[in-house]
C-alpha cells in the first residue's frame, strides 16, 4: 500500500536545497550501484554506460523543486544551458557544451542541436519545452554527439525525460500546493494491481 502525502508552499519560497548530480565520470564508488539509465535504448547501470552522462533522479528533482526544464538553468547539470527564448517563454534554448540553437528570431522554427526526448519520443521543436513536467522518474543528459543512437539533431547531445512507470501494486500518492495570486496545484497518482501482464497507472493534475 502506498502512502499519501500533502505539501503546501508559497510561490517564491526559499531556494531548493543542493542535490548532487550523478555523472558517469564520477570516480567515487559509493551510491551509484542502483542508478539505472536508458541512454543506450536499454536499461543499464550508470557505471557501466560508456557515455558522458549526467542524471537527476526523482529525489534530486524533488529536492531542487524542478517543475520544468527551465529550473535546470541553475547549473544542476554541468555543461547544460537552458534558457527561455526572449519573446516566447514556452520555447527553450537548450545547449550542451556550447552546441545548440542560438537565440535569434527564427529559433523556434529551427532544428535543434540538442535532441529532447520524453521516454525516447523526440520533441522536434523548441515550442512547449518550457511547460511543466509531470510524474518524472529521472532526467538524463547525454553529452556529445549522439547520432548513432538517437539520429539527427543531436550534435551537442540529448536530453531524455523518463516518466514513472506502473508498479503493478496498489498504491496512491498525492500532493497539493498553493501560492501567490490565487495559484494552486494538485496532483494524484494511483497505481492499480497488475492483471496478468497488464499494469495500469492513473495520473491527474489540476492547476
N, C-alpha and C. Protein backbone atom coordinates (compact mmCIF):
# COMPACT_ATOMS: atom_id res chain seq x y z
N UNK A 1 0.85 -1.19 0.00
CA UNK A 1 0.00 0.00 0.00
C UNK A 1 0.88 1.23 0.00
N UNK A 2 0.68 2.10 -0.94
CA UNK A 2 1.44 3.34 -0.99
C UNK A 2 0.93 4.32 0.05
N UNK A 3 1.66 5.32 0.27
CA UNK A 3 1.28 6.34 1.24
C UNK A 3 0.96 7.63 0.54
N UNK A 4 0.07 8.39 1.12
CA UNK A 4 -0.28 9.70 0.58
C UNK A 4 0.51 10.79 1.29
N UNK A 5 0.74 11.85 0.59
CA UNK A 5 1.46 12.97 1.18
C UNK A 5 0.85 14.26 0.69
N UNK A 6 1.03 15.30 1.47
CA UNK A 6 0.50 16.61 1.08
C UNK A 6 1.52 17.66 1.44
N UNK A 7 1.58 18.71 0.66
CA UNK A 7 2.51 19.78 0.95
C UNK A 7 1.88 21.09 0.58
N UNK A 8 2.38 22.13 1.21
CA UNK A 8 1.91 23.47 0.87
C UNK A 8 3.08 24.43 0.88
N UNK A 9 3.12 25.31 -0.08
CA UNK A 9 4.20 26.28 -0.11
C UNK A 9 3.73 27.52 -0.85
N UNK A 10 4.43 28.60 -0.58
CA UNK A 10 4.13 29.86 -1.25
C UNK A 10 5.08 30.05 -2.40
N UNK A 11 4.55 30.50 -3.53
CA UNK A 11 5.40 30.76 -4.68
C UNK A 11 6.49 31.73 -4.29
N UNK A 12 7.70 31.45 -4.77
CA UNK A 12 8.83 32.31 -4.40
C UNK A 12 9.40 31.96 -3.05
N UNK A 13 9.17 30.72 -2.60
CA UNK A 13 9.68 30.30 -1.30
C UNK A 13 11.18 30.11 -1.37
N UNK A 14 11.74 29.63 -0.27
CA UNK A 14 13.19 29.51 -0.17
C UNK A 14 13.73 28.64 -1.29
N UNK A 15 14.96 28.90 -1.68
CA UNK A 15 15.57 28.17 -2.79
C UNK A 15 15.71 26.71 -2.42
N UNK A 16 15.70 25.86 -3.47
CA UNK A 16 15.79 24.43 -3.25
C UNK A 16 17.15 24.07 -2.68
N UNK A 17 17.18 22.99 -1.87
CA UNK A 17 18.43 22.53 -1.32
C UNK A 17 19.31 21.94 -2.40
N UNK A 18 20.59 21.87 -2.13
CA UNK A 18 21.53 21.38 -3.12
C UNK A 18 21.47 19.86 -3.15
N UNK A 19 21.30 19.30 -4.35
CA UNK A 19 21.31 17.86 -4.53
C UNK A 19 22.38 17.53 -5.55
N UNK A 20 23.25 16.56 -5.28
CA UNK A 20 24.35 16.28 -6.19
C UNK A 20 23.85 15.68 -7.49
N UNK A 21 24.51 16.05 -8.59
CA UNK A 21 24.24 15.45 -9.89
C UNK A 21 25.12 14.23 -10.04
N UNK A 22 24.54 13.12 -10.49
CA UNK A 22 25.27 11.89 -10.65
C UNK A 22 25.80 11.82 -12.07
N UNK A 23 27.09 11.59 -12.24
CA UNK A 23 27.68 11.53 -13.57
C UNK A 23 28.42 10.23 -13.77
N UNK A 24 28.51 9.82 -15.03
CA UNK A 24 29.20 8.57 -15.34
C UNK A 24 30.70 8.69 -15.11
N UNK A 25 31.23 9.93 -15.13
CA UNK A 25 32.65 10.10 -14.93
C UNK A 25 33.04 10.15 -13.46
N UNK A 26 32.06 10.13 -12.56
CA UNK A 26 32.33 10.27 -11.13
C UNK A 26 33.22 9.12 -10.66
N UNK A 27 34.32 9.47 -10.02
CA UNK A 27 35.26 8.46 -9.55
C UNK A 27 34.88 7.90 -8.20
N UNK A 28 33.93 8.48 -7.51
CA UNK A 28 33.55 7.99 -6.20
C UNK A 28 32.79 6.68 -6.37
N UNK A 29 33.04 5.74 -5.47
CA UNK A 29 32.47 4.40 -5.61
C UNK A 29 31.13 4.25 -4.94
N UNK A 30 30.73 5.15 -4.07
CA UNK A 30 29.50 4.98 -3.32
C UNK A 30 28.30 5.55 -4.02
N UNK A 31 27.14 4.87 -3.87
CA UNK A 31 25.87 5.45 -4.25
C UNK A 31 25.48 5.31 -5.70
N UNK A 32 26.28 4.64 -6.56
CA UNK A 32 25.95 4.57 -7.97
C UNK A 32 25.38 3.22 -8.39
N UNK A 33 25.46 2.22 -7.54
CA UNK A 33 25.07 0.87 -7.93
C UNK A 33 23.61 0.78 -8.34
N UNK A 34 22.74 1.59 -7.76
CA UNK A 34 21.32 1.48 -8.02
C UNK A 34 20.83 2.44 -9.10
N UNK A 35 21.71 3.20 -9.71
CA UNK A 35 21.32 4.15 -10.74
C UNK A 35 21.22 3.44 -12.07
N UNK A 36 20.01 3.37 -12.62
CA UNK A 36 19.76 2.72 -13.90
C UNK A 36 19.37 3.78 -14.92
N UNK A 37 20.00 3.75 -16.09
CA UNK A 37 19.72 4.72 -17.14
C UNK A 37 19.31 3.99 -18.41
N UNK A 38 18.68 4.74 -19.32
CA UNK A 38 18.24 4.17 -20.60
C UNK A 38 18.92 4.87 -21.77
N UNK A 39 20.10 5.41 -21.54
CA UNK A 39 20.79 6.21 -22.55
C UNK A 39 21.12 5.42 -23.80
N UNK A 40 21.27 4.10 -23.69
CA UNK A 40 21.60 3.26 -24.83
C UNK A 40 20.38 2.48 -25.33
N UNK A 41 19.19 3.04 -25.12
CA UNK A 41 17.94 2.43 -25.56
C UNK A 41 17.64 1.13 -24.82
N UNK A 42 18.30 0.90 -23.72
CA UNK A 42 18.05 -0.24 -22.86
C UNK A 42 18.52 0.13 -21.47
N UNK A 43 18.02 -0.58 -20.48
CA UNK A 43 18.38 -0.28 -19.11
C UNK A 43 19.78 -0.79 -18.80
N UNK A 44 20.63 0.11 -18.34
CA UNK A 44 21.99 -0.25 -17.95
C UNK A 44 22.36 0.48 -16.67
N UNK A 45 23.34 -0.08 -15.96
CA UNK A 45 23.86 0.59 -14.78
C UNK A 45 24.66 1.81 -15.21
N UNK A 46 24.51 2.90 -14.49
CA UNK A 46 25.19 4.15 -14.86
C UNK A 46 26.69 3.96 -14.96
N UNK A 47 27.28 3.19 -14.05
CA UNK A 47 28.73 2.99 -14.05
C UNK A 47 29.20 2.21 -15.27
N UNK A 48 28.31 1.40 -15.85
CA UNK A 48 28.68 0.57 -17.00
C UNK A 48 28.32 1.22 -18.33
N UNK A 49 27.84 2.45 -18.31
CA UNK A 49 27.41 3.13 -19.53
C UNK A 49 28.56 3.96 -20.08
N UNK A 50 29.09 3.60 -21.28
CA UNK A 50 30.27 4.29 -21.82
C UNK A 50 29.93 5.60 -22.52
N UNK A 51 29.19 6.46 -21.84
CA UNK A 51 28.76 7.75 -22.39
C UNK A 51 28.96 8.80 -21.30
N UNK A 52 29.34 10.00 -21.72
CA UNK A 52 29.38 11.11 -20.77
C UNK A 52 27.94 11.51 -20.48
N UNK A 53 27.46 11.21 -19.30
CA UNK A 53 26.05 11.37 -18.98
C UNK A 53 25.89 11.87 -17.55
N UNK A 54 24.95 12.77 -17.35
CA UNK A 54 24.56 13.22 -16.02
C UNK A 54 23.09 12.88 -15.80
N UNK A 55 22.74 12.51 -14.58
CA UNK A 55 21.38 12.08 -14.27
C UNK A 55 20.89 12.78 -13.01
N UNK A 56 19.67 13.29 -13.07
CA UNK A 56 18.95 13.74 -11.89
C UNK A 56 17.82 12.76 -11.65
N UNK A 57 17.88 12.00 -10.54
CA UNK A 57 16.80 11.06 -10.26
C UNK A 57 15.64 11.77 -9.57
N UNK A 58 14.59 11.01 -9.23
CA UNK A 58 13.37 11.64 -8.70
C UNK A 58 13.62 12.36 -7.39
N UNK A 59 14.51 11.83 -6.54
CA UNK A 59 14.77 12.50 -5.27
C UNK A 59 15.50 13.83 -5.49
N UNK A 60 16.46 13.85 -6.42
CA UNK A 60 17.15 15.10 -6.73
C UNK A 60 16.21 16.12 -7.35
N UNK A 61 15.28 15.65 -8.19
CA UNK A 61 14.31 16.56 -8.79
C UNK A 61 13.40 17.17 -7.72
N UNK A 62 13.00 16.36 -6.74
CA UNK A 62 12.16 16.88 -5.65
C UNK A 62 12.94 17.87 -4.81
N UNK A 63 14.17 17.54 -4.47
CA UNK A 63 14.97 18.43 -3.62
C UNK A 63 15.22 19.78 -4.27
N UNK A 64 15.35 19.78 -5.58
CA UNK A 64 15.58 21.03 -6.30
C UNK A 64 14.29 21.69 -6.75
N UNK A 65 13.15 21.08 -6.45
CA UNK A 65 11.85 21.61 -6.86
C UNK A 65 11.81 21.87 -8.37
N UNK A 66 12.31 20.90 -9.13
CA UNK A 66 12.31 21.02 -10.58
C UNK A 66 10.90 20.75 -11.10
N UNK A 67 10.26 21.76 -11.63
CA UNK A 67 8.91 21.63 -12.16
C UNK A 67 8.87 21.75 -13.68
N UNK A 68 9.96 22.20 -14.29
CA UNK A 68 10.07 22.26 -15.74
C UNK A 68 11.55 22.30 -16.09
N UNK A 69 11.86 22.16 -17.38
CA UNK A 69 13.26 22.21 -17.79
C UNK A 69 13.89 23.56 -17.50
N UNK A 70 13.07 24.59 -17.39
CA UNK A 70 13.59 25.93 -17.08
C UNK A 70 14.33 25.92 -15.75
N UNK A 71 13.90 25.07 -14.81
CA UNK A 71 14.52 25.03 -13.49
C UNK A 71 15.92 24.43 -13.52
N UNK A 72 16.34 23.89 -14.66
CA UNK A 72 17.69 23.33 -14.77
C UNK A 72 18.72 24.38 -15.14
N UNK A 73 18.29 25.63 -15.29
CA UNK A 73 19.24 26.68 -15.65
C UNK A 73 20.08 27.15 -14.47
N UNK A 74 19.89 26.51 -13.30
CA UNK A 74 20.66 26.89 -12.11
C UNK A 74 22.01 26.18 -12.04
N UNK A 75 22.37 25.42 -13.07
CA UNK A 75 23.65 24.73 -13.06
C UNK A 75 23.60 23.37 -12.41
N UNK A 76 22.41 22.80 -12.26
CA UNK A 76 22.28 21.48 -11.63
C UNK A 76 23.04 20.42 -12.42
N UNK A 77 23.09 20.57 -13.74
CA UNK A 77 23.79 19.61 -14.59
C UNK A 77 24.92 20.34 -15.31
N UNK A 78 26.17 19.95 -15.07
CA UNK A 78 27.30 20.63 -15.73
C UNK A 78 27.20 20.55 -17.25
N UNK A 79 27.62 21.61 -17.92
CA UNK A 79 27.67 21.71 -19.39
C UNK A 79 26.31 21.92 -20.03
N UNK A 80 25.23 21.92 -19.25
CA UNK A 80 23.89 22.11 -19.80
C UNK A 80 23.45 23.56 -19.59
N UNK A 81 23.03 24.20 -20.67
CA UNK A 81 22.49 25.56 -20.58
C UNK A 81 21.06 25.55 -21.08
N UNK A 82 20.15 26.00 -20.24
CA UNK A 82 18.73 26.08 -20.59
C UNK A 82 18.27 27.50 -20.33
N UNK A 83 17.61 28.10 -21.30
CA UNK A 83 17.12 29.47 -21.14
C UNK A 83 15.88 29.66 -21.99
N UNK A 84 14.89 30.41 -21.49
CA UNK A 84 13.70 30.69 -22.31
C UNK A 84 14.06 31.60 -23.48
N UNK A 85 13.40 31.39 -24.61
CA UNK A 85 13.55 32.28 -25.74
C UNK A 85 12.96 33.63 -25.36
N UNK A 86 13.66 34.71 -25.70
CA UNK A 86 13.33 36.02 -25.12
C UNK A 86 11.93 36.50 -25.45
N UNK A 87 11.33 36.07 -26.57
CA UNK A 87 9.99 36.54 -26.91
C UNK A 87 8.92 35.47 -26.75
N UNK A 88 9.33 34.24 -26.41
CA UNK A 88 8.38 33.14 -26.22
C UNK A 88 8.84 32.31 -25.03
N UNK A 89 8.20 32.52 -23.91
CA UNK A 89 8.63 31.84 -22.69
C UNK A 89 8.45 30.33 -22.75
N UNK A 90 7.52 29.86 -23.57
CA UNK A 90 7.29 28.42 -23.66
C UNK A 90 8.32 27.72 -24.53
N UNK A 91 9.09 28.49 -25.30
CA UNK A 91 10.15 27.92 -26.14
C UNK A 91 11.48 28.05 -25.42
N UNK A 92 12.29 26.99 -25.48
CA UNK A 92 13.54 26.97 -24.74
C UNK A 92 14.75 26.87 -25.66
N UNK A 93 15.82 27.50 -25.24
CA UNK A 93 17.13 27.30 -25.84
C UNK A 93 17.83 26.24 -25.00
N UNK A 94 18.22 25.12 -25.61
CA UNK A 94 18.90 24.04 -24.90
C UNK A 94 20.26 23.82 -25.56
N UNK A 95 21.32 24.07 -24.81
CA UNK A 95 22.69 23.88 -25.29
C UNK A 95 23.42 22.90 -24.39
N UNK A 96 24.25 22.07 -24.98
CA UNK A 96 25.14 21.19 -24.23
C UNK A 96 26.55 21.42 -24.76
N UNK A 97 27.45 21.77 -23.87
CA UNK A 97 28.84 22.05 -24.23
C UNK A 97 28.93 23.13 -25.31
N UNK A 98 28.02 24.09 -25.26
CA UNK A 98 28.06 25.20 -26.19
C UNK A 98 27.44 24.92 -27.54
N UNK A 99 26.92 23.72 -27.75
CA UNK A 99 26.31 23.35 -29.03
C UNK A 99 24.80 23.38 -28.88
N UNK A 100 24.13 24.10 -29.76
CA UNK A 100 22.68 24.19 -29.71
C UNK A 100 22.21 25.36 -30.55
N UNK A 101 20.93 25.64 -30.49
CA UNK A 101 20.36 26.73 -31.27
C UNK A 101 20.69 28.06 -30.63
N UNK A 102 21.03 29.05 -31.44
CA UNK A 102 21.31 30.38 -30.94
C UNK A 102 20.01 31.13 -30.70
N UNK A 103 20.07 32.19 -29.92
CA UNK A 103 18.89 32.99 -29.61
C UNK A 103 18.67 34.02 -30.71
N UNK A 104 17.95 33.63 -31.76
CA UNK A 104 17.62 34.55 -32.83
C UNK A 104 16.13 34.45 -33.14
N UNK A 105 15.66 35.30 -34.02
CA UNK A 105 14.22 35.40 -34.26
C UNK A 105 13.63 34.16 -34.90
N UNK A 106 14.47 33.33 -35.52
CA UNK A 106 13.98 32.12 -36.18
C UNK A 106 14.14 30.88 -35.31
N UNK A 107 14.60 31.05 -34.09
CA UNK A 107 14.94 29.92 -33.24
C UNK A 107 13.83 28.90 -33.06
N UNK A 108 12.58 29.29 -32.78
CA UNK A 108 11.56 28.27 -32.55
C UNK A 108 11.29 27.37 -33.74
N UNK A 109 11.61 27.83 -34.96
CA UNK A 109 11.32 27.04 -36.16
C UNK A 109 12.52 26.23 -36.63
N UNK A 110 13.65 26.40 -36.02
CA UNK A 110 14.86 25.71 -36.45
C UNK A 110 14.98 24.34 -35.81
N UNK A 111 15.71 23.45 -36.53
CA UNK A 111 16.09 22.20 -35.92
C UNK A 111 17.10 22.48 -34.81
N UNK A 112 17.00 21.71 -33.75
CA UNK A 112 17.86 21.94 -32.60
C UNK A 112 19.15 21.14 -32.73
N UNK A 113 20.18 21.59 -32.02
CA UNK A 113 21.43 20.85 -31.96
C UNK A 113 21.47 19.88 -30.80
N UNK A 114 20.49 19.98 -29.92
CA UNK A 114 20.34 19.06 -28.79
C UNK A 114 18.96 18.43 -28.87
N UNK A 115 18.89 17.12 -28.97
CA UNK A 115 17.61 16.43 -29.05
C UNK A 115 16.97 16.29 -27.68
N UNK A 116 15.69 16.60 -27.58
CA UNK A 116 14.94 16.46 -26.33
C UNK A 116 13.91 15.36 -26.52
N UNK A 117 13.87 14.42 -25.59
CA UNK A 117 13.01 13.24 -25.71
C UNK A 117 12.22 13.04 -24.42
N UNK A 118 11.02 12.50 -24.56
CA UNK A 118 10.23 12.02 -23.43
C UNK A 118 10.01 10.53 -23.63
N UNK A 119 10.60 9.73 -22.77
CA UNK A 119 10.55 8.27 -22.91
C UNK A 119 10.96 7.83 -24.30
N UNK A 120 11.98 8.48 -24.85
CA UNK A 120 12.50 8.11 -26.16
C UNK A 120 11.78 8.70 -27.34
N UNK A 121 10.69 9.46 -27.10
CA UNK A 121 9.93 10.08 -28.19
C UNK A 121 10.48 11.48 -28.42
N UNK A 122 10.88 11.77 -29.64
CA UNK A 122 11.56 13.02 -29.96
C UNK A 122 10.59 14.19 -30.00
N UNK A 123 10.99 15.30 -29.38
CA UNK A 123 10.24 16.55 -29.45
C UNK A 123 10.94 17.44 -30.46
N UNK A 124 10.34 17.63 -31.61
CA UNK A 124 11.04 18.19 -32.75
C UNK A 124 11.26 19.68 -32.75
N UNK A 125 10.55 20.43 -31.93
CA UNK A 125 10.70 21.88 -31.95
C UNK A 125 10.86 22.42 -30.53
N UNK A 126 11.31 23.67 -30.46
CA UNK A 126 11.55 24.29 -29.15
C UNK A 126 10.27 24.72 -28.46
N UNK A 127 9.18 24.88 -29.21
CA UNK A 127 7.92 25.31 -28.59
C UNK A 127 7.44 24.26 -27.60
N UNK A 128 7.02 24.71 -26.44
CA UNK A 128 6.46 23.81 -25.45
C UNK A 128 7.46 23.16 -24.53
N UNK A 129 8.76 23.32 -24.79
CA UNK A 129 9.75 22.68 -23.92
C UNK A 129 9.78 23.29 -22.53
N UNK A 130 9.20 24.49 -22.37
CA UNK A 130 9.18 25.13 -21.06
C UNK A 130 7.96 24.80 -20.23
N UNK A 131 7.09 23.91 -20.72
CA UNK A 131 5.89 23.56 -19.96
C UNK A 131 6.26 22.68 -18.76
N UNK A 132 5.30 22.54 -17.85
CA UNK A 132 5.56 21.83 -16.59
C UNK A 132 5.81 20.34 -16.84
N UNK A 133 6.74 19.79 -16.08
CA UNK A 133 6.99 18.35 -16.08
C UNK A 133 6.03 17.68 -15.11
N UNK A 134 5.73 16.41 -15.37
CA UNK A 134 4.72 15.74 -14.57
C UNK A 134 5.10 14.29 -14.36
N UNK A 135 5.21 13.89 -13.09
CA UNK A 135 5.46 12.50 -12.72
C UNK A 135 6.73 11.96 -13.38
N UNK A 136 7.83 12.67 -13.20
CA UNK A 136 9.09 12.32 -13.85
C UNK A 136 9.94 11.45 -12.92
N UNK A 137 10.49 10.37 -13.47
CA UNK A 137 11.37 9.48 -12.72
C UNK A 137 12.81 10.00 -12.72
N UNK A 138 13.27 10.48 -13.87
CA UNK A 138 14.64 10.99 -13.96
C UNK A 138 14.79 11.82 -15.22
N UNK A 139 15.84 12.62 -15.23
CA UNK A 139 16.24 13.37 -16.42
C UNK A 139 17.69 13.00 -16.72
N UNK A 140 17.91 12.47 -17.93
CA UNK A 140 19.24 12.05 -18.36
C UNK A 140 19.77 13.03 -19.41
N UNK A 141 20.97 13.50 -19.22
CA UNK A 141 21.61 14.41 -20.17
C UNK A 141 22.84 13.72 -20.73
N UNK A 142 22.80 13.39 -22.02
CA UNK A 142 23.90 12.74 -22.71
C UNK A 142 24.71 13.81 -23.42
N UNK A 143 25.99 13.86 -23.15
CA UNK A 143 26.84 14.95 -23.64
C UNK A 143 27.69 14.48 -24.81
N UNK A 144 27.75 15.31 -25.84
CA UNK A 144 28.49 14.96 -27.04
C UNK A 144 27.57 14.37 -28.10
N UNK A 145 28.05 14.22 -29.35
CA UNK A 145 27.21 13.72 -30.45
C UNK A 145 26.59 12.36 -30.13
N UNK A 146 25.28 12.23 -30.39
CA UNK A 146 24.54 11.00 -30.08
C UNK A 146 23.79 10.49 -31.31
N UNK A 147 24.29 10.82 -32.52
CA UNK A 147 23.59 10.44 -33.73
C UNK A 147 23.45 8.95 -33.94
N UNK A 148 24.39 8.15 -33.44
CA UNK A 148 24.32 6.71 -33.64
C UNK A 148 23.10 6.11 -32.96
N UNK A 149 22.79 6.58 -31.76
CA UNK A 149 21.66 6.04 -31.01
C UNK A 149 20.37 6.82 -31.23
N UNK A 150 20.47 8.14 -31.36
CA UNK A 150 19.28 8.98 -31.38
C UNK A 150 18.98 9.62 -32.73
N UNK A 151 19.91 9.54 -33.69
CA UNK A 151 19.63 10.10 -35.00
C UNK A 151 19.98 11.57 -35.11
N UNK A 152 19.30 12.26 -36.02
CA UNK A 152 19.63 13.64 -36.35
C UNK A 152 19.36 14.60 -35.19
N UNK A 153 19.93 15.79 -35.32
CA UNK A 153 19.71 16.89 -34.36
C UNK A 153 20.23 16.58 -32.96
N UNK A 154 21.27 15.79 -32.87
CA UNK A 154 21.88 15.51 -31.56
C UNK A 154 23.39 15.75 -31.60
N UNK A 155 23.80 16.78 -32.36
CA UNK A 155 25.23 17.08 -32.45
C UNK A 155 25.81 17.46 -31.09
N UNK A 156 25.04 18.19 -30.31
CA UNK A 156 25.52 18.59 -28.99
C UNK A 156 25.25 17.56 -27.91
N UNK A 157 24.25 16.74 -28.11
CA UNK A 157 23.88 15.74 -27.12
C UNK A 157 22.38 15.50 -27.13
N UNK A 158 21.90 14.85 -26.10
CA UNK A 158 20.48 14.53 -25.99
C UNK A 158 20.04 14.68 -24.54
N UNK A 159 18.81 15.10 -24.37
CA UNK A 159 18.19 15.22 -23.05
C UNK A 159 16.95 14.34 -23.04
N UNK A 160 16.98 13.30 -22.21
CA UNK A 160 15.90 12.32 -22.17
C UNK A 160 15.15 12.41 -20.84
N UNK A 161 13.86 12.69 -20.92
CA UNK A 161 13.00 12.74 -19.73
C UNK A 161 12.32 11.39 -19.58
N UNK A 162 12.53 10.73 -18.45
CA UNK A 162 11.97 9.40 -18.21
C UNK A 162 10.84 9.52 -17.19
N UNK A 163 9.64 9.13 -17.58
CA UNK A 163 8.49 9.21 -16.67
C UNK A 163 8.36 7.93 -15.84
N UNK A 164 7.62 8.03 -14.76
CA UNK A 164 7.43 6.88 -13.88
C UNK A 164 6.47 5.88 -14.53
N UNK A 165 6.79 4.61 -14.36
CA UNK A 165 6.00 3.53 -14.94
C UNK A 165 5.10 2.90 -13.88
N UNK A 166 4.04 2.19 -14.29
CA UNK A 166 3.20 1.48 -13.32
C UNK A 166 4.01 0.45 -12.55
N UNK A 167 3.71 0.31 -11.27
CA UNK A 167 4.44 -0.64 -10.43
C UNK A 167 3.78 -2.01 -10.41
N UNK A 168 2.50 -2.09 -10.76
CA UNK A 168 1.78 -3.36 -10.68
C UNK A 168 1.26 -3.67 -9.29
N UNK A 169 1.47 -2.76 -8.34
CA UNK A 169 0.98 -2.92 -6.98
C UNK A 169 0.11 -1.72 -6.63
N UNK A 170 -0.91 -1.96 -5.81
CA UNK A 170 -1.83 -0.88 -5.46
C UNK A 170 -1.10 0.16 -4.61
N UNK A 171 -1.28 1.41 -4.97
CA UNK A 171 -0.66 2.49 -4.22
C UNK A 171 -1.21 3.83 -4.65
N UNK A 172 -1.13 4.80 -3.76
CA UNK A 172 -1.64 6.14 -4.06
C UNK A 172 -0.68 7.18 -3.51
N UNK A 173 -0.50 8.25 -4.27
CA UNK A 173 0.30 9.37 -3.81
C UNK A 173 -0.33 10.65 -4.32
N UNK A 174 -0.41 11.64 -3.46
CA UNK A 174 -0.99 12.91 -3.88
C UNK A 174 -0.26 14.08 -3.26
N UNK A 175 -0.20 15.17 -3.97
CA UNK A 175 0.40 16.40 -3.46
C UNK A 175 -0.51 17.57 -3.79
N UNK A 176 -0.44 18.61 -2.98
CA UNK A 176 -1.23 19.82 -3.22
C UNK A 176 -0.43 21.02 -2.76
N UNK A 177 -0.59 22.13 -3.44
CA UNK A 177 0.13 23.34 -3.07
C UNK A 177 -0.64 24.59 -3.47
N UNK A 178 -0.39 25.66 -2.74
CA UNK A 178 -0.99 26.95 -3.04
C UNK A 178 0.11 28.00 -3.10
N UNK A 179 -0.15 29.09 -3.81
CA UNK A 179 0.85 30.13 -3.94
C UNK A 179 0.23 31.50 -4.03
N UNK A 180 1.02 32.46 -4.38
CA UNK A 180 0.56 33.84 -4.51
C UNK A 180 -0.41 34.00 -5.68
N UNK A 181 -1.18 35.08 -5.62
CA UNK A 181 -2.09 35.47 -6.70
C UNK A 181 -3.10 34.37 -7.04
N UNK A 182 -3.51 33.64 -6.03
CA UNK A 182 -4.54 32.63 -6.22
C UNK A 182 -4.09 31.38 -6.94
N UNK A 183 -2.80 31.17 -7.08
CA UNK A 183 -2.32 29.98 -7.78
C UNK A 183 -2.44 28.75 -6.88
N UNK A 184 -2.68 27.62 -7.49
CA UNK A 184 -2.78 26.36 -6.76
C UNK A 184 -2.46 25.21 -7.71
N UNK A 185 -2.13 24.08 -7.13
CA UNK A 185 -1.80 22.90 -7.93
C UNK A 185 -2.06 21.66 -7.11
N UNK A 186 -2.64 20.66 -7.73
CA UNK A 186 -2.86 19.38 -7.08
C UNK A 186 -2.53 18.24 -8.03
N UNK A 187 -1.92 17.20 -7.50
CA UNK A 187 -1.58 16.02 -8.29
C UNK A 187 -2.04 14.77 -7.56
N UNK A 188 -2.45 13.77 -8.32
CA UNK A 188 -2.83 12.49 -7.75
C UNK A 188 -2.33 11.37 -8.67
N UNK A 189 -1.77 10.34 -8.06
CA UNK A 189 -1.21 9.21 -8.81
C UNK A 189 -1.74 7.93 -8.18
N UNK A 190 -2.39 7.11 -8.97
CA UNK A 190 -2.99 5.88 -8.47
C UNK A 190 -2.44 4.70 -9.27
N UNK A 191 -1.76 3.79 -8.56
CA UNK A 191 -1.29 2.54 -9.16
C UNK A 191 -2.30 1.44 -8.87
N UNK A 192 -2.69 0.72 -9.90
CA UNK A 192 -3.64 -0.38 -9.75
C UNK A 192 -2.90 -1.71 -9.79
N UNK A 193 -3.42 -2.73 -9.09
CA UNK A 193 -2.78 -4.04 -9.12
C UNK A 193 -2.69 -4.58 -10.54
N UNK A 194 -1.61 -5.28 -10.82
CA UNK A 194 -1.43 -5.85 -12.16
C UNK A 194 -2.44 -6.96 -12.40
N UNK A 195 -2.91 -7.03 -13.63
CA UNK A 195 -3.82 -8.10 -14.05
C UNK A 195 -3.12 -8.86 -15.17
N UNK A 196 -2.61 -10.04 -14.83
CA UNK A 196 -1.80 -10.77 -15.79
C UNK A 196 -0.51 -10.00 -16.06
N UNK A 197 -0.28 -9.69 -17.33
CA UNK A 197 0.90 -8.92 -17.71
C UNK A 197 0.59 -7.44 -17.94
N UNK A 198 -0.59 -7.01 -17.50
CA UNK A 198 -1.02 -5.64 -17.74
C UNK A 198 -0.99 -4.87 -16.42
N UNK A 199 -0.34 -3.72 -16.42
CA UNK A 199 -0.31 -2.83 -15.26
C UNK A 199 -0.80 -1.45 -15.69
N UNK A 200 -1.60 -0.83 -14.83
CA UNK A 200 -2.21 0.46 -15.17
C UNK A 200 -1.89 1.46 -14.07
N UNK A 201 -1.57 2.68 -14.49
CA UNK A 201 -1.31 3.78 -13.57
C UNK A 201 -2.12 4.98 -14.02
N UNK A 202 -2.91 5.55 -13.10
CA UNK A 202 -3.75 6.69 -13.41
C UNK A 202 -3.17 7.94 -12.76
N UNK A 203 -3.03 9.00 -13.54
CA UNK A 203 -2.47 10.25 -13.04
C UNK A 203 -3.42 11.39 -13.36
N UNK A 204 -3.52 12.33 -12.42
CA UNK A 204 -4.35 13.51 -12.65
C UNK A 204 -3.70 14.74 -12.08
N UNK A 205 -3.98 15.89 -12.70
CA UNK A 205 -3.42 17.15 -12.24
C UNK A 205 -4.44 18.25 -12.43
N UNK A 206 -4.47 19.19 -11.48
CA UNK A 206 -5.33 20.35 -11.59
C UNK A 206 -4.52 21.58 -11.20
N UNK A 207 -4.66 22.66 -11.97
CA UNK A 207 -3.95 23.89 -11.68
C UNK A 207 -4.89 25.07 -11.82
